[in-house]
Amino acid sequence: MLFDADLSDLPQAMRWREWMGRVEAAIFAAPSPVTRDVLTKLVGRDCNFDDLICDIREDLRARPYDLVLVAGGYQLRTKPRYADAIRVLNNGARAAGPPALTPTELLTVTAIAYLQPATRAELSQFAGREISRDVVGSLKALDLIAAGPRAPMPGAPYAYVTTRKFLEVFGLASLRDLPDIERLEDEGLLERQQPEADLDAVLFAEEEDLEEHWE
């Protein structure tokens, strides 16, 4: 069955609204963020996709959810003020924010985000104490990190990288959205023994209420 992306038989205004509906419906139905490349297949070649996204966001102003760009794709997430109502239902909806992490786990995944690919030995050297296999295993189980290439050193240990899930749960469109590492160093937040709350506050200051969003 042929899919008519251009909708050239419709007036411009109707065509634009149909494109908006298609894109929003595709994002709504997807279990994970949908990339721009995928969504542009739903609209005509003369569609200004950035303007279309802006119009969808404007349409959602009065709705209980927002259109956000995370992990390289678009996703609908409920607004923070409705979090309590969703919790009352207890119907399986999950918080879109980061899981609970220990200070060591948070330091480790942060170090991997900036240094990747990084071996466990390099992470231990950075932290000033041994990063155990249990810590790495816990982060892998949460799908926040994954084994990357083997490092060119004796024993060829695995070097670790962050995953798309890392971007998704921390509300980052890409790794380019990480704060400058110099900023964290200047504020002393990448030093050993840093309390979890302070590091989390600086890393994700722009996503301060992210944990209140739901999918």
N, C-alpha and C. Protein backbone atom coordinates (compact mmCIF):
# COMPACT_ATOMS: atom_id res chain seq x y z
N MET A 1 0.85 -1.19 0.00
CA MET A 1 0.00 0.00 0.00
C MET A 1 0.89 1.25 0.00
N LEU A 2 0.65 2.15 -0.96
CA LEU A 2 1.45 3.35 -1.07
C LEU A 2 1.06 4.35 0.00
N PHE A 3 2.08 4.98 0.56
CA PHE A 3 1.85 6.00 1.60
C PHE A 3 2.09 7.35 0.98
N ASP A 4 1.08 8.21 1.05
CA ASP A 4 1.16 9.54 0.47
C ASP A 4 1.70 10.51 1.50
N ALA A 5 2.99 10.80 1.44
CA ALA A 5 3.60 11.72 2.39
C ALA A 5 3.36 13.17 2.00
N ASP A 6 3.29 13.45 0.72
CA ASP A 6 3.19 14.83 0.25
C ASP A 6 1.79 15.43 0.42
N LEU A 7 0.76 14.62 0.28
CA LEU A 7 -0.63 15.09 0.41
C LEU A 7 -0.88 16.31 -0.48
N SER A 8 -0.40 16.24 -1.69
CA SER A 8 -0.48 17.39 -2.59
C SER A 8 -1.90 17.72 -3.02
N ASP A 9 -2.84 16.80 -2.80
CA ASP A 9 -4.23 17.07 -3.18
C ASP A 9 -4.97 17.90 -2.14
N LEU A 10 -4.35 18.15 -0.98
CA LEU A 10 -4.98 18.91 0.09
C LEU A 10 -4.53 20.37 0.06
N PRO A 11 -5.39 21.28 0.50
CA PRO A 11 -4.95 22.68 0.66
C PRO A 11 -3.82 22.74 1.69
N GLN A 12 -3.02 23.79 1.59
CA GLN A 12 -1.83 23.89 2.45
C GLN A 12 -2.17 23.79 3.94
N ALA A 13 -3.20 24.48 4.39
CA ALA A 13 -3.53 24.48 5.81
C ALA A 13 -3.92 23.08 6.28
N MET A 14 -4.73 22.38 5.49
CA MET A 14 -5.15 21.02 5.85
C MET A 14 -3.97 20.05 5.81
N ARG A 15 -3.11 20.26 4.82
CA ARG A 15 -1.92 19.41 4.69
C ARG A 15 -1.03 19.55 5.93
N TRP A 16 -0.85 20.78 6.37
CA TRP A 16 0.00 21.05 7.54
C TRP A 16 -0.57 20.39 8.80
N ARG A 17 -1.90 20.51 8.99
CA ARG A 17 -2.53 19.89 10.17
C ARG A 17 -2.43 18.37 10.11
N GLU A 18 -2.54 17.81 8.93
CA GLU A 18 -2.42 16.36 8.80
C GLU A 18 -1.00 15.90 9.12
N TRP A 19 -0.02 16.65 8.64
CA TRP A 19 1.37 16.31 8.97
C TRP A 19 1.59 16.39 10.49
N MET A 20 1.07 17.41 11.11
CA MET A 20 1.18 17.53 12.56
C MET A 20 0.57 16.32 13.26
N GLY A 21 -0.62 15.93 12.83
CA GLY A 21 -1.29 14.79 13.43
C GLY A 21 -0.51 13.50 13.25
N ARG A 22 0.04 13.30 12.07
CA ARG A 22 0.82 12.09 11.81
C ARG A 22 2.04 12.00 12.73
N VAL A 23 2.77 13.10 12.82
CA VAL A 23 3.99 13.11 13.62
C VAL A 23 3.66 12.89 15.10
N GLU A 24 2.66 13.60 15.60
CA GLU A 24 2.29 13.45 17.00
C GLU A 24 1.81 12.03 17.29
N ALA A 25 1.01 11.46 16.38
CA ALA A 25 0.51 10.10 16.58
C ALA A 25 1.64 9.08 16.60
N ALA A 26 2.62 9.25 15.72
CA ALA A 26 3.76 8.32 15.67
C ALA A 26 4.58 8.38 16.95
N ILE A 27 4.76 9.59 17.47
CA ILE A 27 5.52 9.75 18.72
C ILE A 27 4.73 9.16 19.87
N PHE A 28 3.43 9.41 19.90
CA PHE A 28 2.57 8.91 20.97
C PHE A 28 2.59 7.38 21.02
N ALA A 29 2.59 6.74 19.86
CA ALA A 29 2.50 5.28 19.80
C ALA A 29 3.82 4.58 20.05
N ALA A 30 4.93 5.31 20.00
CA ALA A 30 6.25 4.69 20.11
C ALA A 30 6.64 4.45 21.56
N PRO A 31 7.26 3.31 21.88
CA PRO A 31 7.69 3.03 23.25
C PRO A 31 8.96 3.76 23.65
N SER A 32 9.66 4.36 22.70
CA SER A 32 10.91 5.06 22.97
C SER A 32 10.99 6.27 22.05
N PRO A 33 11.92 7.19 22.31
CA PRO A 33 12.03 8.38 21.47
C PRO A 33 12.17 8.05 19.99
N VAL A 34 11.50 8.84 19.14
CA VAL A 34 11.50 8.61 17.70
C VAL A 34 12.40 9.65 17.04
N THR A 35 13.31 9.19 16.20
CA THR A 35 14.29 10.09 15.61
C THR A 35 13.68 10.96 14.51
N ARG A 36 14.35 12.04 14.25
CA ARG A 36 13.94 12.97 13.20
C ARG A 36 13.88 12.27 11.85
N ASP A 37 14.89 11.44 11.55
CA ASP A 37 14.93 10.76 10.25
C ASP A 37 13.69 9.91 10.02
N VAL A 38 13.22 9.26 11.08
CA VAL A 38 12.02 8.44 10.96
C VAL A 38 10.79 9.31 10.75
N LEU A 39 10.66 10.36 11.53
CA LEU A 39 9.47 11.20 11.47
C LEU A 39 9.34 11.97 10.16
N THR A 40 10.45 12.33 9.55
CA THR A 40 10.37 13.09 8.29
C THR A 40 9.84 12.24 7.15
N LYS A 41 9.79 10.92 7.33
CA LYS A 41 9.19 10.06 6.31
C LYS A 41 7.67 10.20 6.26
N LEU A 42 7.10 10.82 7.28
CA LEU A 42 5.64 10.97 7.37
C LEU A 42 5.13 12.25 6.74
N VAL A 43 6.05 13.14 6.35
CA VAL A 43 5.65 14.46 5.84
C VAL A 43 6.23 14.67 4.45
N GLY A 44 5.73 15.68 3.78
CA GLY A 44 6.18 15.98 2.43
C GLY A 44 7.57 16.56 2.37
N ARG A 45 8.12 16.51 1.17
CA ARG A 45 9.49 17.00 0.98
C ARG A 45 9.62 18.50 1.20
N ASP A 46 8.52 19.24 1.01
CA ASP A 46 8.58 20.70 1.20
C ASP A 46 8.17 21.12 2.60
N CYS A 47 8.05 20.15 3.53
CA CYS A 47 7.66 20.47 4.91
C CYS A 47 8.87 20.95 5.70
N ASN A 48 8.74 22.09 6.35
CA ASN A 48 9.78 22.57 7.26
C ASN A 48 9.56 21.86 8.60
N PHE A 49 10.35 20.82 8.84
CA PHE A 49 10.09 19.96 9.99
C PHE A 49 10.26 20.69 11.31
N ASP A 50 11.22 21.59 11.41
CA ASP A 50 11.43 22.33 12.65
C ASP A 50 10.21 23.20 12.97
N ASP A 51 9.64 23.83 11.95
CA ASP A 51 8.43 24.63 12.17
C ASP A 51 7.27 23.73 12.58
N LEU A 52 7.20 22.55 12.00
CA LEU A 52 6.13 21.61 12.35
C LEU A 52 6.21 21.22 13.82
N ILE A 53 7.42 20.91 14.30
CA ILE A 53 7.61 20.54 15.70
C ILE A 53 7.23 21.71 16.61
N CYS A 54 7.58 22.92 16.22
CA CYS A 54 7.22 24.10 17.02
C CYS A 54 5.71 24.24 17.12
N ASP A 55 5.01 23.98 16.02
CA ASP A 55 3.55 24.10 16.04
C ASP A 55 2.92 23.01 16.89
N ILE A 56 3.48 21.81 16.87
CA ILE A 56 2.97 20.74 17.73
C ILE A 56 3.16 21.12 19.19
N ARG A 57 4.32 21.63 19.53
CA ARG A 57 4.58 22.04 20.91
C ARG A 57 3.62 23.15 21.35
N GLU A 58 3.35 24.06 20.44
CA GLU A 58 2.42 25.14 20.76
C GLU A 58 1.03 24.58 21.00
N ASP A 59 0.63 23.60 20.19
CA ASP A 59 -0.68 22.96 20.37
C ASP A 59 -0.79 22.26 21.72
N LEU A 60 0.34 21.79 22.24
CA LEU A 60 0.35 21.02 23.48
C LEU A 60 0.41 21.89 24.73
N ARG A 61 0.48 23.19 24.57
CA ARG A 61 0.60 24.07 25.73
C ARG A 61 -0.49 23.83 26.76
N ALA A 62 -1.69 23.59 26.29
CA ALA A 62 -2.81 23.39 27.21
C ALA A 62 -3.04 21.91 27.55
N ARG A 63 -2.19 21.06 27.03
CA ARG A 63 -2.33 19.63 27.28
C ARG A 63 -1.49 19.22 28.49
N PRO A 64 -1.73 18.03 29.07
CA PRO A 64 -0.98 17.62 30.27
C PRO A 64 0.37 16.99 29.97
N TYR A 65 0.84 17.10 28.74
CA TYR A 65 2.14 16.52 28.41
C TYR A 65 2.89 17.44 27.45
N ASP A 66 4.20 17.25 27.38
CA ASP A 66 5.08 18.05 26.52
C ASP A 66 5.74 17.16 25.48
N LEU A 67 6.18 17.77 24.39
CA LEU A 67 7.01 17.09 23.40
C LEU A 67 8.46 17.47 23.69
N VAL A 68 9.28 16.47 24.02
CA VAL A 68 10.68 16.74 24.41
C VAL A 68 11.63 16.00 23.47
N LEU A 69 12.83 16.53 23.36
CA LEU A 69 13.88 15.91 22.57
C LEU A 69 14.86 15.23 23.52
N VAL A 70 14.88 13.90 23.52
CA VAL A 70 15.78 13.13 24.37
C VAL A 70 16.36 11.97 23.58
N ALA A 71 17.62 11.63 23.91
CA ALA A 71 18.28 10.46 23.31
C ALA A 71 18.21 10.48 21.79
N GLY A 72 18.31 11.66 21.21
CA GLY A 72 18.32 11.77 19.76
C GLY A 72 16.97 11.63 19.10
N GLY A 73 15.90 11.66 19.88
CA GLY A 73 14.56 11.51 19.30
C GLY A 73 13.53 12.28 20.09
N TYR A 74 12.31 12.27 19.61
CA TYR A 74 11.21 13.00 20.23
C TYR A 74 10.32 12.05 21.04
N GLN A 75 9.84 12.55 22.18
CA GLN A 75 9.01 11.74 23.06
C GLN A 75 8.00 12.65 23.77
N LEU A 76 6.82 12.11 24.04
CA LEU A 76 5.80 12.82 24.82
C LEU A 76 5.95 12.44 26.28
N ARG A 77 6.05 13.44 27.16
CA ARG A 77 6.18 13.19 28.59
C ARG A 77 5.22 14.08 29.35
N THR A 78 4.58 13.51 30.36
CA THR A 78 3.61 14.28 31.12
C THR A 78 4.29 15.40 31.89
N LYS A 79 3.54 16.47 32.13
CA LYS A 79 4.08 17.62 32.84
C LYS A 79 4.19 17.31 34.34
N PRO A 80 5.17 17.91 35.00
CA PRO A 80 5.45 17.59 36.40
C PRO A 80 4.26 17.74 37.34
N ARG A 81 3.39 18.71 37.08
CA ARG A 81 2.29 18.95 38.03
C ARG A 81 1.26 17.83 38.07
N TYR A 82 1.33 16.90 37.11
CA TYR A 82 0.38 15.79 37.11
C TYR A 82 0.98 14.50 37.69
N ALA A 83 2.18 14.59 38.22
CA ALA A 83 2.86 13.40 38.73
C ALA A 83 2.08 12.74 39.87
N ASP A 84 1.56 13.55 40.80
CA ASP A 84 0.81 12.99 41.94
C ASP A 84 -0.43 12.24 41.48
N ALA A 85 -1.13 12.79 40.50
CA ALA A 85 -2.34 12.13 39.99
C ALA A 85 -2.00 10.78 39.37
N ILE A 86 -0.87 10.71 38.69
CA ILE A 86 -0.47 9.45 38.05
C ILE A 86 -0.06 8.43 39.11
N ARG A 87 0.62 8.90 40.16
CA ARG A 87 1.03 7.98 41.23
C ARG A 87 -0.18 7.37 41.93
N VAL A 88 -1.23 8.15 42.09
CA VAL A 88 -2.43 7.65 42.78
C VAL A 88 -2.99 6.42 42.06
N LEU A 89 -2.96 6.43 40.74
CA LEU A 89 -3.50 5.30 39.98
C LEU A 89 -2.66 4.05 40.13
N ASN A 90 -1.34 4.23 40.28
CA ASN A 90 -0.44 3.08 40.43
C ASN A 90 -0.71 2.04 39.35
N ASN A 91 -0.76 2.50 38.10
CA ASN A 91 -1.16 1.62 37.00
C ASN A 91 -0.01 1.19 36.10
N GLY A 92 1.20 1.27 36.62
CA GLY A 92 2.35 0.80 35.85
C GLY A 92 3.10 1.88 35.11
N ALA A 93 2.60 3.11 35.14
CA ALA A 93 3.34 4.20 34.51
C ALA A 93 4.66 4.37 35.24
N ARG A 94 5.71 4.63 34.50
CA ARG A 94 7.02 4.72 35.12
C ARG A 94 7.59 6.13 35.01
N ALA A 95 8.32 6.52 36.03
CA ALA A 95 8.97 7.83 36.02
C ALA A 95 10.03 7.84 34.93
N ALA A 96 10.11 8.96 34.21
CA ALA A 96 11.05 9.06 33.10
C ALA A 96 12.44 9.49 33.54
N GLY A 97 12.60 9.88 34.79
CA GLY A 97 13.88 10.37 35.27
C GLY A 97 14.85 9.25 35.60
N PRO A 98 16.03 9.62 36.11
CA PRO A 98 17.06 8.64 36.40
C PRO A 98 16.69 7.75 37.58
N PRO A 99 17.18 6.51 37.60
CA PRO A 99 16.94 5.63 38.74
C PRO A 99 17.76 6.08 39.94
N ALA A 100 17.44 5.54 41.09
CA ALA A 100 18.21 5.84 42.30
C ALA A 100 19.61 5.23 42.16
N LEU A 101 20.63 6.05 42.31
CA LEU A 101 22.01 5.60 42.19
C LEU A 101 22.77 5.94 43.46
N THR A 102 23.72 5.08 43.83
CA THR A 102 24.60 5.39 44.94
C THR A 102 25.58 6.47 44.49
N PRO A 103 26.25 7.16 45.43
CA PRO A 103 27.25 8.16 45.04
C PRO A 103 28.32 7.57 44.13
N THR A 104 28.76 6.35 44.40
CA THR A 104 29.80 5.74 43.58
C THR A 104 29.27 5.42 42.18
N GLU A 105 28.04 4.95 42.10
CA GLU A 105 27.45 4.66 40.78
C GLU A 105 27.28 5.94 39.97
N LEU A 106 26.83 7.01 40.64
CA LEU A 106 26.65 8.27 39.95
C LEU A 106 27.98 8.82 39.46
N LEU A 107 29.01 8.76 40.30
CA LEU A 107 30.33 9.22 39.91
C LEU A 107 30.86 8.40 38.73
N THR A 108 30.63 7.09 38.78
CA THR A 108 31.13 6.20 37.73
C THR A 108 30.46 6.47 36.39
N VAL A 109 29.13 6.57 36.39
CA VAL A 109 28.44 6.79 35.11
C VAL A 109 28.75 8.19 34.57
N THR A 110 28.96 9.16 35.48
CA THR A 110 29.34 10.50 35.04
C THR A 110 30.72 10.48 34.40
N ALA A 111 31.65 9.77 35.04
CA ALA A 111 33.00 9.68 34.49
C ALA A 111 33.00 9.00 33.13
N ILE A 112 32.20 7.94 32.99
CA ILE A 112 32.12 7.26 31.70
C ILE A 112 31.56 8.20 30.64
N ALA A 113 30.55 8.99 31.00
CA ALA A 113 29.94 9.91 30.04
C ALA A 113 30.98 10.87 29.47
N TYR A 114 31.89 11.34 30.32
CA TYR A 114 32.88 12.31 29.87
C TYR A 114 34.14 11.67 29.27
N LEU A 115 34.54 10.51 29.77
CA LEU A 115 35.81 9.93 29.38
C LEU A 115 35.69 8.83 28.35
N GLN A 116 34.48 8.40 28.05
CA GLN A 116 34.28 7.20 27.23
C GLN A 116 35.04 7.25 25.90
N PRO A 117 35.51 6.05 25.50
CA PRO A 117 35.45 4.77 26.22
C PRO A 117 36.47 4.74 27.36
N ALA A 118 36.07 4.19 28.51
CA ALA A 118 36.92 4.18 29.69
C ALA A 118 36.91 2.80 30.34
N THR A 119 38.09 2.31 30.70
CA THR A 119 38.19 1.02 31.37
C THR A 119 37.92 1.17 32.86
N ARG A 120 37.70 0.05 33.52
CA ARG A 120 37.45 0.08 34.96
C ARG A 120 38.67 0.62 35.70
N ALA A 121 39.88 0.29 35.20
CA ALA A 121 41.10 0.80 35.83
C ALA A 121 41.18 2.31 35.69
N GLU A 122 40.80 2.85 34.54
CA GLU A 122 40.82 4.30 34.34
C GLU A 122 39.78 4.98 35.22
N LEU A 123 38.64 4.33 35.37
CA LEU A 123 37.60 4.89 36.24
C LEU A 123 38.06 4.89 37.70
N SER A 124 38.74 3.82 38.11
CA SER A 124 39.24 3.72 39.48
C SER A 124 40.29 4.80 39.73
N GLN A 125 41.16 5.02 38.75
CA GLN A 125 42.19 6.05 38.88
C GLN A 125 41.54 7.43 39.00
N PHE A 126 40.51 7.66 38.22
CA PHE A 126 39.80 8.93 38.25
C PHE A 126 39.13 9.15 39.60
N ALA A 127 38.50 8.09 40.13
CA ALA A 127 37.74 8.20 41.37
C ALA A 127 38.65 8.22 42.60
N GLY A 128 39.88 7.75 42.45
CA GLY A 128 40.78 7.70 43.60
C GLY A 128 40.53 6.50 44.49
N ARG A 129 39.74 5.56 44.03
CA ARG A 129 39.48 4.31 44.74
C ARG A 129 38.99 3.29 43.72
N GLU A 130 39.02 2.05 44.09
CA GLU A 130 38.63 1.01 43.13
C GLU A 130 37.14 1.08 42.80
N ILE A 131 36.85 1.06 41.52
CA ILE A 131 35.47 0.91 41.05
C ILE A 131 35.25 -0.57 40.82
N SER A 132 34.42 -1.16 41.63
CA SER A 132 34.27 -2.62 41.61
C SER A 132 33.49 -3.09 40.39
N ARG A 133 33.62 -4.38 40.12
CA ARG A 133 32.82 -4.99 39.05
C ARG A 133 31.34 -4.93 39.37
N ASP A 134 31.01 -4.93 40.67
CA ASP A 134 29.59 -4.84 41.06
C ASP A 134 28.99 -3.50 40.64
N VAL A 135 29.76 -2.43 40.79
CA VAL A 135 29.27 -1.11 40.39
C VAL A 135 29.04 -1.07 38.88
N VAL A 136 30.01 -1.56 38.14
CA VAL A 136 29.88 -1.61 36.68
C VAL A 136 28.70 -2.50 36.29
N GLY A 137 28.58 -3.65 36.97
CA GLY A 137 27.49 -4.56 36.67
C GLY A 137 26.12 -3.95 36.94
N SER A 138 26.03 -3.18 38.01
CA SER A 138 24.76 -2.52 38.35
C SER A 138 24.37 -1.51 37.28
N LEU A 139 25.33 -0.73 36.81
CA LEU A 139 25.05 0.25 35.77
C LEU A 139 24.70 -0.41 34.44
N LYS A 140 25.33 -1.56 34.16
CA LYS A 140 24.99 -2.30 32.95
C LYS A 140 23.59 -2.88 33.06
N ALA A 141 23.22 -3.38 34.24
CA ALA A 141 21.88 -3.94 34.44
C ALA A 141 20.80 -2.88 34.25
N LEU A 142 21.12 -1.64 34.59
CA LEU A 142 20.18 -0.53 34.39
C LEU A 142 20.21 0.00 32.96
N ASP A 143 21.06 -0.58 32.13
CA ASP A 143 21.22 -0.19 30.72
C ASP A 143 21.69 1.25 30.57
N LEU A 144 22.44 1.73 31.58
CA LEU A 144 23.01 3.08 31.49
C LEU A 144 24.37 3.06 30.80
N ILE A 145 25.07 1.94 30.88
CA ILE A 145 26.36 1.79 30.21
C ILE A 145 26.39 0.45 29.50
N ALA A 146 27.36 0.32 28.60
CA ALA A 146 27.55 -0.94 27.88
C ALA A 146 29.04 -1.12 27.62
N ALA A 147 29.44 -2.36 27.37
CA ALA A 147 30.83 -2.63 27.04
C ALA A 147 31.11 -2.12 25.63
N GLY A 148 32.14 -1.31 25.52
CA GLY A 148 32.53 -0.78 24.23
C GLY A 148 33.70 -1.58 23.67
N PRO A 149 34.64 -0.93 23.00
CA PRO A 149 35.79 -1.63 22.44
C PRO A 149 36.75 -2.07 23.53
N ARG A 150 37.53 -3.07 23.25
CA ARG A 150 38.59 -3.48 24.18
C ARG A 150 39.74 -2.49 24.10
N ALA A 151 40.29 -2.13 25.25
CA ALA A 151 41.35 -1.14 25.30
C ALA A 151 42.67 -1.75 24.83
N PRO A 152 43.50 -0.98 24.11
CA PRO A 152 44.79 -1.48 23.63
C PRO A 152 45.84 -1.48 24.73
N MET A 153 45.65 -2.34 25.73
CA MET A 153 46.58 -2.45 26.84
C MET A 153 46.64 -3.90 27.27
N PRO A 154 47.60 -4.29 28.08
CA PRO A 154 47.71 -5.70 28.50
C PRO A 154 46.39 -6.23 29.04
N GLY A 155 46.03 -7.41 28.55
CA GLY A 155 44.78 -8.02 28.97
C GLY A 155 43.58 -7.58 28.16
N ALA A 156 43.74 -6.54 27.35
CA ALA A 156 42.68 -6.01 26.50
C ALA A 156 41.35 -5.90 27.24
N PRO A 157 41.32 -5.13 28.33
CA PRO A 157 40.07 -5.00 29.09
C PRO A 157 39.02 -4.23 28.30
N TYR A 158 37.77 -4.47 28.66
CA TYR A 158 36.69 -3.72 28.03
C TYR A 158 36.74 -2.26 28.47
N ALA A 159 36.45 -1.38 27.54
CA ALA A 159 36.22 0.02 27.86
C ALA A 159 34.71 0.24 27.79
N TYR A 160 34.19 1.07 28.68
CA TYR A 160 32.75 1.24 28.80
C TYR A 160 32.28 2.56 28.20
N VAL A 161 31.06 2.54 27.68
CA VAL A 161 30.44 3.71 27.06
C VAL A 161 29.03 3.85 27.60
N THR A 162 28.48 5.05 27.51
CA THR A 162 27.08 5.24 27.90
C THR A 162 26.17 4.79 26.76
N THR A 163 24.91 4.57 27.09
CA THR A 163 23.94 4.07 26.14
C THR A 163 22.91 5.14 25.78
N ARG A 164 22.06 4.79 24.85
CA ARG A 164 20.94 5.69 24.53
C ARG A 164 20.01 5.82 25.73
N LYS A 165 19.89 4.75 26.52
CA LYS A 165 19.05 4.81 27.72
C LYS A 165 19.59 5.86 28.69
N PHE A 166 20.90 5.99 28.78
CA PHE A 166 21.50 7.02 29.63
C PHE A 166 20.99 8.40 29.22
N LEU A 167 21.00 8.69 27.92
CA LEU A 167 20.50 9.97 27.45
C LEU A 167 19.03 10.14 27.76
N GLU A 168 18.28 9.05 27.57
CA GLU A 168 16.83 9.13 27.77
C GLU A 168 16.47 9.43 29.21
N VAL A 169 17.06 8.70 30.17
CA VAL A 169 16.64 8.88 31.56
C VAL A 169 17.15 10.18 32.17
N PHE A 170 18.27 10.70 31.63
CA PHE A 170 18.78 11.96 32.15
C PHE A 170 18.30 13.16 31.33
N GLY A 171 17.41 12.91 30.37
CA GLY A 171 16.80 14.01 29.63
C GLY A 171 17.75 14.76 28.72
N LEU A 172 18.74 14.06 28.14
CA LEU A 172 19.72 14.69 27.26
C LEU A 172 19.43 14.31 25.81
N ALA A 173 19.47 15.29 24.92
CA ALA A 173 19.27 14.99 23.50
C ALA A 173 20.48 14.24 22.95
N SER A 174 21.67 14.63 23.40
CA SER A 174 22.91 13.96 22.99
C SER A 174 23.98 14.26 24.04
N LEU A 175 25.14 13.64 23.89
CA LEU A 175 26.23 13.88 24.84
C LEU A 175 26.73 15.32 24.77
N ARG A 176 26.43 15.99 23.68
CA ARG A 176 26.83 17.40 23.57
C ARG A 176 26.11 18.27 24.59
N ASP A 177 25.01 17.75 25.14
CA ASP A 177 24.25 18.53 26.13
C ASP A 177 24.81 18.39 27.54
N LEU A 178 25.83 17.56 27.73
CA LEU A 178 26.46 17.47 29.04
C LEU A 178 27.10 18.82 29.40
N PRO A 179 27.07 19.21 30.67
CA PRO A 179 27.74 20.45 31.06
C PRO A 179 29.24 20.35 30.78
N ASP A 180 29.87 21.49 30.54
CA ASP A 180 31.32 21.49 30.33
C ASP A 180 32.01 20.87 31.54
N ILE A 181 32.94 19.96 31.27
CA ILE A 181 33.62 19.28 32.37
C ILE A 181 34.41 20.28 33.20
N GLU A 182 34.89 21.38 32.56
CA GLU A 182 35.62 22.39 33.31
C GLU A 182 34.74 23.02 34.39
N ARG A 183 33.46 23.16 34.09
CA ARG A 183 32.53 23.73 35.06
C ARG A 183 32.42 22.84 36.29
N LEU A 184 32.33 21.52 36.05
CA LEU A 184 32.23 20.60 37.17
C LEU A 184 33.52 20.58 37.99
N GLU A 185 34.64 20.63 37.28
CA GLU A 185 35.92 20.62 37.99
C GLU A 185 36.11 21.90 38.80
N ASP A 186 35.74 23.05 38.20
CA ASP A 186 35.90 24.33 38.91
C ASP A 186 35.08 24.36 40.19
N GLU A 187 33.91 23.70 40.17
CA GLU A 187 33.05 23.68 41.34
C GLU A 187 33.35 22.51 42.26
N GLY A 188 34.41 21.75 41.91
CA GLY A 188 34.84 20.64 42.76
C GLY A 188 33.88 19.47 42.79
N LEU A 189 33.10 19.30 41.74
CA LEU A 189 32.07 18.27 41.76
C LEU A 189 32.47 16.99 41.02
N LEU A 190 33.71 16.93 40.55
CA LEU A 190 34.21 15.69 39.98
C LEU A 190 35.38 15.16 40.81
N GLU A 191 35.43 15.56 42.06
CA GLU A 191 36.47 15.08 42.95
C GLU A 191 35.99 13.84 43.69
N ARG A 192 36.92 13.07 44.20
CA ARG A 192 36.57 11.87 44.96
C ARG A 192 35.77 12.21 46.20
N GLN A 193 34.88 11.31 46.58
CA GLN A 193 34.03 11.43 47.77
C GLN A 193 32.97 12.52 47.64
N GLN A 194 32.65 12.95 46.40
CA GLN A 194 31.63 13.99 46.25
C GLN A 194 30.24 13.44 46.58
N PRO A 195 29.47 14.11 47.44
CA PRO A 195 28.11 13.66 47.75
C PRO A 195 27.25 13.59 46.50
N GLU A 196 26.40 12.61 46.45
CA GLU A 196 25.56 12.38 45.28
C GLU A 196 24.67 13.57 44.95
N ALA A 197 24.04 14.17 45.93
CA ALA A 197 23.05 15.21 45.67
C ALA A 197 23.67 16.41 44.96
N ASP A 198 24.89 16.83 45.39
CA ASP A 198 25.51 17.99 44.78
C ASP A 198 25.87 17.74 43.34
N LEU A 199 26.45 16.58 43.06
CA LEU A 199 26.84 16.25 41.70
C LEU A 199 25.61 16.18 40.81
N ASP A 200 24.58 15.56 41.28
CA ASP A 200 23.35 15.42 40.50
C ASP A 200 22.74 16.79 40.21
N ALA A 201 22.78 17.69 41.18
CA ALA A 201 22.17 19.00 41.00
C ALA A 201 22.85 19.79 39.90
N VAL A 202 24.18 19.70 39.82
CA VAL A 202 24.89 20.46 38.80
C VAL A 202 24.77 19.82 37.43
N LEU A 203 24.89 18.50 37.40
CA LEU A 203 24.82 17.80 36.11
C LEU A 203 23.49 18.04 35.42
N PHE A 204 22.43 18.02 36.20
CA PHE A 204 21.11 18.04 35.60
C PHE A 204 20.29 19.22 36.12
N ALA A 205 20.95 20.36 36.29
CA ALA A 205 20.26 21.54 36.82
C ALA A 205 19.11 21.95 35.93
N GLU A 206 19.27 21.80 34.61
CA GLU A 206 18.21 22.20 33.69
C GLU A 206 17.09 21.18 33.66
N GLU A 207 17.31 20.02 34.27
CA GLU A 207 16.28 18.99 34.31
C GLU A 207 15.86 18.74 35.75
N GLU A 208 15.80 19.82 36.56
CA GLU A 208 15.63 19.68 37.99
C GLU A 208 14.34 18.97 38.37
N ASP A 209 13.33 19.03 37.52
CA ASP A 209 12.10 18.34 37.86
C ASP A 209 11.87 17.14 36.94
N LEU A 210 12.93 16.64 36.32
CA LEU A 210 12.80 15.54 35.38
C LEU A 210 12.19 14.32 36.01
N GLU A 211 12.54 14.06 37.29
CA GLU A 211 12.04 12.86 37.94
C GLU A 211 10.53 12.88 38.09
N GLU A 212 9.92 14.04 37.90
CA GLU A 212 8.47 14.14 38.03
C GLU A 212 7.75 13.86 36.71
N HIS A 213 8.51 13.70 35.62
CA HIS A 213 7.90 13.38 34.35
C HIS A 213 7.60 11.90 34.28
N TRP A 214 6.57 11.58 33.53
CA TRP A 214 6.18 10.17 33.38
C TRP A 214 5.95 9.86 31.93
N GLU A 215 6.12 8.58 31.59
CA GLU A 215 5.88 8.11 30.22
C GLU A 215 4.70 7.18 30.21
